[in-house]
Amino acid sequence: MGMRSEFSPWWLATTSSSNMLGKLIGQKYFSIARTWVPTLAVWGSVGGVALVHFTDWRLILDYVPYVSGKFKNDD
C-alpha cells in the first residue's frame, strides 16, 4: 500500500463523471476549473458572512435554536 503523493479531495476524485466532464469541456479547462474550487469556496464563505453582517443579523440568527431563545422580547 503506497501513499499517494498528491492530495485528491473526494469531490475532485477522478471518476467516470469527471472523465465525462473532462471530455465535454476539455481536459485542460477541467483542470483549470479544479484549481479554482478552493478560491471559489473561500469567496463564497466571505460573501455569506458579508450577507449576514450587512443584513439584519438577528433576523438570520432567529433560526439558530440557542440564539433565538436568548434574545426573546417580552412585547
PDB file of N, CA and C in Angstrom:
ATOM      1  N   MET A   1       0.841  -1.179   0.000  1.00  0.00           N
ATOM      2  CA  MET A   1       0.000   0.000   0.000  1.00  0.00           C
ATOM      3  C   MET A   1       0.884   1.239   0.000  1.00  0.00           C
ATOM      4  N   GLY A   2       0.992   1.874  -1.125  1.00  0.00           N
ATOM      5  CA  GLY A   2       1.774   3.096  -1.205  1.00  0.00           C
ATOM      6  C   GLY A   2       0.903   4.323  -0.991  1.00  0.00           C
ATOM      7  N   MET A   3       1.518   5.335  -0.443  1.00  0.00           N
ATOM      8  CA  MET A   3       0.797   6.594  -0.232  1.00  0.00           C
ATOM      9  C   MET A   3       0.815   7.397  -1.527  1.00  0.00           C
ATOM     10  N   ARG A   4      -0.299   8.053  -1.805  1.00  0.00           N
ATOM     11  CA  ARG A   4      -0.342   8.918  -2.976  1.00  0.00           C
ATOM     12  C   ARG A   4       0.363  10.217  -2.637  1.00  0.00           C
ATOM     13  N   SER A   5       1.168  10.701  -3.551  1.00  0.00           N
ATOM     14  CA  SER A   5       1.919  11.918  -3.280  1.00  0.00           C
ATOM     15  C   SER A   5       1.072  13.171  -3.475  1.00  0.00           C
ATOM     16  N   GLU A   6      -0.034  13.052  -4.187  1.00  0.00           N
ATOM     17  CA  GLU A   6      -0.876  14.210  -4.464  1.00  0.00           C
ATOM     18  C   GLU A   6      -2.176  14.104  -3.686  1.00  0.00           C
ATOM     19  N   PHE A   7      -2.562  15.187  -3.018  1.00  0.00           N
ATOM     20  CA  PHE A   7      -3.823  15.221  -2.282  1.00  0.00           C
ATOM     21  C   PHE A   7      -4.966  15.316  -3.276  1.00  0.00           C
ATOM     22  N   SER A   8      -5.959  14.466  -3.123  1.00  0.00           N
ATOM     23  CA  SER A   8      -7.106  14.473  -4.022  1.00  0.00           C
ATOM     24  C   SER A   8      -8.379  14.412  -3.196  1.00  0.00           C
ATOM     25  N   PRO A   9      -9.051  15.564  -2.989  1.00  0.00           N
ATOM     26  CA  PRO A   9     -10.304  15.556  -2.228  1.00  0.00           C
ATOM     27  C   PRO A   9     -11.357  14.709  -2.917  1.00  0.00           C
ATOM     28  N   TRP A  10     -12.361  14.300  -2.156  1.00  0.00           N
ATOM     29  CA  TRP A  10     -13.374  13.397  -2.696  1.00  0.00           C
ATOM     30  C   TRP A  10     -14.147  14.031  -3.841  1.00  0.00           C
ATOM     31  N   TRP A  11     -14.332  15.371  -3.819  1.00  0.00           N
ATOM     32  CA  TRP A  11     -15.129  15.977  -4.881  1.00  0.00           C
ATOM     33  C   TRP A  11     -14.321  16.186  -6.159  1.00  0.00           C
ATOM     34  N   LEU A  12     -13.016  16.018  -6.072  1.00  0.00           N
ATOM     35  CA  LEU A  12     -12.178  16.149  -7.251  1.00  0.00           C
ATOM     36  C   LEU A  12     -11.597  14.816  -7.699  1.00  0.00           C
ATOM     37  N   ALA A  13     -12.061  13.744  -7.086  1.00  0.00           N
ATOM     38  CA  ALA A  13     -11.525  12.427  -7.420  1.00  0.00           C
ATOM     39  C   ALA A  13     -11.846  12.097  -8.875  1.00  0.00           C
ATOM     40  N   THR A  14     -10.934  11.388  -9.498  1.00  0.00           N
ATOM     41  CA  THR A  14     -11.136  11.014 -10.886  1.00  0.00           C
ATOM     42  C   THR A  14     -12.119   9.855 -10.948  1.00  0.00           C
ATOM     43  N   THR A  15     -13.308  10.161 -11.388  1.00  0.00           N
ATOM     44  CA  THR A  15     -14.349   9.153 -11.547  1.00  0.00           C
ATOM     45  C   THR A  15     -14.859   9.218 -12.966  1.00  0.00           C
ATOM     46  N   SER A  16     -15.824   8.380 -13.264  1.00  0.00           N
ATOM     47  CA  SER A  16     -16.365   8.384 -14.613  1.00  0.00           C
ATOM     48  C   SER A  16     -17.079   9.691 -14.922  1.00  0.00           C
ATOM     49  N   SER A  17     -17.729  10.309 -13.914  1.00  0.00           N
ATOM     50  CA  SER A  17     -18.422  11.575 -14.172  1.00  0.00           C
ATOM     51  C   SER A  17     -17.432  12.695 -14.456  1.00  0.00           C
ATOM     52  N   SER A  18     -16.294  12.718 -13.738  1.00  0.00           N
ATOM     53  CA  SER A  18     -15.310  13.766 -14.015  1.00  0.00           C
ATOM     54  C   SER A  18     -14.635  13.530 -15.362  1.00  0.00           C
ATOM     55  N   ASN A  19     -14.461  12.263 -15.749  1.00  0.00           N
ATOM     56  CA  ASN A  19     -13.907  11.986 -17.070  1.00  0.00           C
ATOM     57  C   ASN A  19     -14.866  12.440 -18.157  1.00  0.00           C
ATOM     58  N   MET A  20     -16.164  12.240 -17.929  1.00  0.00           N
ATOM     59  CA  MET A  20     -17.151  12.686 -18.911  1.00  0.00           C
ATOM     60  C   MET A  20     -17.143  14.202 -19.011  1.00  0.00           C
ATOM     61  N   LEU A  21     -17.038  14.879 -17.867  1.00  0.00           N
ATOM     62  CA  LEU A  21     -16.984  16.335 -17.876  1.00  0.00           C
ATOM     63  C   LEU A  21     -15.705  16.816 -18.551  1.00  0.00           C
ATOM     64  N   GLY A  22     -14.610  16.119 -18.303  1.00  0.00           N
ATOM     65  CA  GLY A  22     -13.355  16.462 -18.956  1.00  0.00           C
ATOM     66  C   GLY A  22     -13.437  16.303 -20.461  1.00  0.00           C
ATOM     67  N   LYS A  23     -14.153  15.295 -20.926  1.00  0.00           N
ATOM     68  CA  LYS A  23     -14.330  15.111 -22.366  1.00  0.00           C
ATOM     69  C   LYS A  23     -15.263  16.165 -22.941  1.00  0.00           C
ATOM     70  N   LEU A  24     -16.235  16.599 -22.143  1.00  0.00           N
ATOM     71  CA  LEU A  24     -17.206  17.579 -22.623  1.00  0.00           C
ATOM     72  C   LEU A  24     -16.574  18.963 -22.773  1.00  0.00           C
ATOM     73  N   ILE A  25     -15.880  19.434 -21.757  1.00  0.00           N
ATOM     74  CA  ILE A  25     -15.303  20.785 -21.821  1.00  0.00           C
ATOM     75  C   ILE A  25     -13.814  20.769 -22.137  1.00  0.00           C
ATOM     76  N   GLY A  26     -13.215  19.628 -22.154  1.00  0.00           N
ATOM     77  CA  GLY A  26     -11.790  19.525 -22.431  1.00  0.00           C
ATOM     78  C   GLY A  26     -11.001  19.346 -21.152  1.00  0.00           C
ATOM     79  N   GLN A  27      -9.997  18.494 -21.202  1.00  0.00           N
ATOM     80  CA  GLN A  27      -9.207  18.179 -20.013  1.00  0.00           C
ATOM     81  C   GLN A  27      -8.458  19.399 -19.500  1.00  0.00           C
ATOM     82  N   LYS A  28      -7.997  20.259 -20.402  1.00  0.00           N
ATOM     83  CA  LYS A  28      -7.259  21.458 -19.993  1.00  0.00           C
ATOM     84  C   LYS A  28      -8.152  22.374 -19.164  1.00  0.00           C
ATOM     85  N   TYR A  29      -9.351  22.659 -19.652  1.00  0.00           N
ATOM     86  CA  TYR A  29     -10.249  23.564 -18.941  1.00  0.00           C
ATOM     87  C   TYR A  29     -10.801  22.930 -17.675  1.00  0.00           C
ATOM     88  N   PHE A  30     -10.943  21.621 -17.674  1.00  0.00           N
ATOM     89  CA  PHE A  30     -11.388  20.927 -16.469  1.00  0.00           C
ATOM     90  C   PHE A  30     -10.335  21.038 -15.372  1.00  0.00           C
ATOM     91  N   SER A  31      -9.060  20.895 -15.718  1.00  0.00           N
ATOM     92  CA  SER A  31      -8.010  21.011 -14.701  1.00  0.00           C
ATOM     93  C   SER A  31      -7.872  22.458 -14.225  1.00  0.00           C
ATOM     94  N   ILE A  32      -8.098  23.435 -15.103  1.00  0.00           N
ATOM     95  CA  ILE A  32      -8.087  24.840 -14.676  1.00  0.00           C
ATOM     96  C   ILE A  32      -9.232  25.092 -13.709  1.00  0.00           C
ATOM     97  N   ALA A  33     -10.411  24.562 -14.004  1.00  0.00           N
ATOM     98  CA  ALA A  33     -11.570  24.744 -13.121  1.00  0.00           C
ATOM     99  C   ALA A  33     -11.327  24.097 -11.760  1.00  0.00           C
ATOM    100  N   ARG A  34     -10.645  22.959 -11.731  1.00  0.00           N
ATOM    101  CA  ARG A  34     -10.351  22.288 -10.457  1.00  0.00           C
ATOM    102  C   ARG A  34      -9.462  23.139  -9.564  1.00  0.00           C
ATOM    103  N   THR A  35      -8.568  23.919 -10.146  1.00  0.00           N
ATOM    104  CA  THR A  35      -7.694  24.753  -9.321  1.00  0.00           C
ATOM    105  C   THR A  35      -8.443  25.931  -8.707  1.00  0.00           C
ATOM    106  N   TRP A  36      -9.574  26.316  -9.280  1.00  0.00           N
ATOM    107  CA  TRP A  36     -10.346  27.448  -8.762  1.00  0.00           C
ATOM    108  C   TRP A  36     -11.324  27.057  -7.666  1.00  0.00           C
ATOM    109  N   VAL A  37     -11.536  25.778  -7.409  1.00  0.00           N
ATOM    110  CA  VAL A  37     -12.517  25.337  -6.408  1.00  0.00           C
ATOM    111  C   VAL A  37     -12.214  25.897  -5.014  1.00  0.00           C
ATOM    112  N   PRO A  38     -10.994  25.810  -4.485  1.00  0.00           N
ATOM    113  CA  PRO A  38     -10.748  26.375  -3.144  1.00  0.00           C
ATOM    114  C   PRO A  38     -10.970  27.887  -3.085  1.00  0.00           C
ATOM    115  N   THR A  39     -10.563  28.601  -4.126  1.00  0.00           N
ATOM    116  CA  THR A  39     -10.752  30.050  -4.152  1.00  0.00           C
ATOM    117  C   THR A  39     -12.227  30.405  -4.148  1.00  0.00           C
ATOM    118  N   LEU A  40     -13.013  29.714  -4.953  1.00  0.00           N
ATOM    119  CA  LEU A  40     -14.447  29.982  -5.002  1.00  0.00           C
ATOM    120  C   LEU A  40     -15.120  29.634  -3.684  1.00  0.00           C
ATOM    121  N   ALA A  41     -14.653  28.593  -3.021  1.00  0.00           N
ATOM    122  CA  ALA A  41     -15.224  28.224  -1.722  1.00  0.00           C
ATOM    123  C   ALA A  41     -14.942  29.304  -0.677  1.00  0.00           C
ATOM    124  N   VAL A  42     -13.731  29.838  -0.671  1.00  0.00           N
ATOM    125  CA  VAL A  42     -13.383  30.889   0.294  1.00  0.00           C
ATOM    126  C   VAL A  42     -14.189  32.151   0.020  1.00  0.00           C
ATOM    127  N   TRP A  43     -14.264  32.584  -1.237  1.00  0.00           N
ATOM    128  CA  TRP A  43     -15.013  33.801  -1.552  1.00  0.00           C
ATOM    129  C   TRP A  43     -16.506  33.611  -1.334  1.00  0.00           C
ATOM    130  N   GLY A  44     -17.008  32.407  -1.535  1.00  0.00           N
ATOM    131  CA  GLY A  44     -18.410  32.142  -1.217  1.00  0.00           C
ATOM    132  C   GLY A  44     -18.676  32.258   0.270  1.00  0.00           C
ATOM    133  N   SER A  45     -17.743  31.769   1.074  1.00  0.00           N
ATOM    134  CA  SER A  45     -17.877  31.900   2.530  1.00  0.00           C
ATOM    135  C   SER A  45     -17.797  33.358   2.964  1.00  0.00           C
ATOM    136  N   VAL A  46     -16.883  34.106   2.381  1.00  0.00           N
ATOM    137  CA  VAL A  46     -16.765  35.531   2.696  1.00  0.00           C
ATOM    138  C   VAL A  46     -18.049  36.261   2.308  1.00  0.00           C
ATOM    139  N   GLY A  47     -18.608  35.914   1.162  1.00  0.00           N
ATOM    140  CA  GLY A  47     -19.863  36.528   0.740  1.00  0.00           C
ATOM    141  C   GLY A  47     -21.006  36.194   1.678  1.00  0.00           C
ATOM    142  N   GLY A  48     -21.049  34.959   2.166  1.00  0.00           N
ATOM    143  CA  GLY A  48     -22.087  34.579   3.125  1.00  0.00           C
ATOM    144  C   GLY A  48     -21.969  35.333   4.430  1.00  0.00           C
ATOM    145  N   VAL A  49     -20.747  35.480   4.920  1.00  0.00           N
ATOM    146  CA  VAL A  49     -20.536  36.238   6.158  1.00  0.00           C
ATOM    147  C   VAL A  49     -20.886  37.711   5.941  1.00  0.00           C
ATOM    148  N   ALA A  50     -20.524  38.268   4.791  1.00  0.00           N
ATOM    149  CA  ALA A  50     -20.857  39.665   4.496  1.00  0.00           C
ATOM    150  C   ALA A  50     -22.363  39.856   4.394  1.00  0.00           C
ATOM    151  N   LEU A  51     -23.061  38.894   3.817  1.00  0.00           N
ATOM    152  CA  LEU A  51     -24.519  38.974   3.726  1.00  0.00           C
ATOM    153  C   LEU A  51     -25.144  39.015   5.110  1.00  0.00           C
ATOM    154  N   VAL A  52     -24.662  38.156   6.002  1.00  0.00           N
ATOM    155  CA  VAL A  52     -25.181  38.152   7.374  1.00  0.00           C
ATOM    156  C   VAL A  52     -24.816  39.455   8.079  1.00  0.00           C
ATOM    157  N   HIS A  53     -23.624  39.962   7.837  1.00  0.00           N
ATOM    158  CA  HIS A  53     -23.170  41.185   8.510  1.00  0.00           C
ATOM    159  C   HIS A  53     -23.972  42.412   8.070  1.00  0.00           C
ATOM    160  N   PHE A  54     -24.224  42.541   6.787  1.00  0.00           N
ATOM    161  CA  PHE A  54     -24.874  43.744   6.274  1.00  0.00           C
ATOM    162  C   PHE A  54     -26.394  43.673   6.289  1.00  0.00           C
ATOM    163  N   THR A  55     -26.957  42.519   6.569  1.00  0.00           N
ATOM    164  CA  THR A  55     -28.402  42.428   6.749  1.00  0.00           C
ATOM    165  C   THR A  55     -28.685  42.436   8.246  1.00  0.00           C
ATOM    166  N   ASP A  56     -29.939  42.326   8.587  1.00  0.00           N
ATOM    167  CA  ASP A  56     -30.308  42.282   9.998  1.00  0.00           C
ATOM    168  C   ASP A  56     -29.891  40.919  10.538  1.00  0.00           C
ATOM    169  N   TRP A  57     -28.759  40.868  11.247  1.00  0.00           N
ATOM    170  CA  TRP A  57     -28.209  39.589  11.684  1.00  0.00           C
ATOM    171  C   TRP A  57     -29.141  38.867  12.635  1.00  0.00           C
ATOM    172  N   ARG A  58     -29.957  39.598  13.394  1.00  0.00           N
ATOM    173  CA  ARG A  58     -30.902  38.931  14.298  1.00  0.00           C
ATOM    174  C   ARG A  58     -31.975  38.200  13.515  1.00  0.00           C
ATOM    175  N   LEU A  59     -32.341  38.725  12.349  1.00  0.00           N
ATOM    176  CA  LEU A  59     -33.323  38.051  11.509  1.00  0.00           C
ATOM    177  C   LEU A  59     -32.811  36.678  11.082  1.00  0.00           C
ATOM    178  N   ILE A  60     -31.537  36.603  10.745  1.00  0.00           N
ATOM    179  CA  ILE A  60     -30.938  35.334  10.320  1.00  0.00           C
ATOM    180  C   ILE A  60     -30.696  34.428  11.522  1.00  0.00           C
ATOM    181  N   LEU A  61     -30.221  34.996  12.634  1.00  0.00           N
ATOM    182  CA  LEU A  61     -29.906  34.177  13.801  1.00  0.00           C
ATOM    183  C   LEU A  61     -31.150  33.724  14.561  1.00  0.00           C
ATOM    184  N   ASP A  62     -32.330  34.196  14.199  1.00  0.00           N
ATOM    185  CA  ASP A  62     -33.564  33.687  14.806  1.00  0.00           C
ATOM    186  C   ASP A  62     -33.768  32.210  14.504  1.00  0.00           C
ATOM    187  N   TYR A  63     -33.124  31.705  13.456  1.00  0.00           N
ATOM    188  CA  TYR A  63     -33.251  30.294  13.097  1.00  0.00           C
ATOM    189  C   TYR A  63     -32.269  29.404  13.849  1.00  0.00           C
ATOM    190  N   VAL A  64     -31.310  29.984  14.564  1.00  0.00           N
ATOM    191  CA  VAL A  64     -30.365  29.213  15.373  1.00  0.00           C
ATOM    192  C   VAL A  64     -31.010  29.001  16.741  1.00  0.00           C
ATOM    193  N   PRO A  65     -31.225  27.757  17.170  1.00  0.00           N
ATOM    194  CA  PRO A  65     -32.021  27.491  18.370  1.00  0.00           C
ATOM    195  C   PRO A  65     -31.520  28.177  19.636  1.00  0.00           C
ATOM    196  N   TYR A  66     -30.259  28.117  19.950  1.00  0.00           N
ATOM    197  CA  TYR A  66     -29.755  28.692  21.202  1.00  0.00           C
ATOM    198  C   TYR A  66     -29.880  30.212  21.194  1.00  0.00           C
ATOM    199  N   VAL A  67     -29.506  30.824  20.078  1.00  0.00           N
ATOM    200  CA  VAL A  67     -29.510  32.280  19.985  1.00  0.00           C
ATOM    201  C   VAL A  67     -30.934  32.814  19.949  1.00  0.00           C
ATOM    202  N   SER A  68     -31.854  32.116  19.281  1.00  0.00           N
ATOM    203  CA  SER A  68     -33.221  32.617  19.172  1.00  0.00           C
ATOM    204  C   SER A  68     -33.910  32.651  20.529  1.00  0.00           C
ATOM    205  N   GLY A  69     -33.587  31.744  21.448  1.00  0.00           N
ATOM    206  CA  GLY A  69     -34.177  31.770  22.778  1.00  0.00           C
ATOM    207  C   GLY A  69     -33.533  32.801  23.684  1.00  0.00           C
ATOM    208  N   LYS A  70     -32.330  33.214  23.349  1.00  0.00           N
ATOM    209  CA  LYS A  70     -31.579  34.134  24.185  1.00  0.00           C
ATOM    210  C   LYS A  70     -32.074  35.576  24.057  1.00  0.00           C
ATOM    211  N   PHE A  71     -32.600  35.948  22.906  1.00  0.00           N
ATOM    212  CA  PHE A  71     -32.980  37.332  22.646  1.00  0.00           C
ATOM    213  C   PHE A  71     -34.489  37.506  22.504  1.00  0.00           C
ATOM    214  N   LYS A  72     -35.273  36.805  23.262  1.00  0.00           N
ATOM    215  CA  LYS A  72     -36.731  36.945  23.187  1.00  0.00           C
ATOM    216  C   LYS A  72     -37.155  38.279  23.794  1.00  0.00           C
ATOM    217  N   ASN A  73     -38.087  38.944  23.120  1.00  0.00           N
ATOM    218  CA  ASN A  73     -38.658  40.190  23.639  1.00  0.00           C
ATOM    219  C   ASN A  73     -39.948  39.875  24.374  1.00  0.00           C
ATOM    220  N   ASP A  74     -40.244  40.627  25.433  1.00  0.00           N
ATOM    221  CA  ASP A  74     -41.473  40.428  26.198  1.00  0.00           C
ATOM    222  C   ASP A  74     -42.531  41.441  25.771  1.00  0.00           C
ATOM    223  N   ASP A  75     -42.731  41.608  24.482  1.00  0.00           N
ATOM    224  CA  ASP A  75     -43.713  42.582  23.988  1.00  0.00           C
ATOM    225  C   ASP A  75     -45.119  42.073  24.118  1.00  0.00           C
TER     226      ASP A  75
END
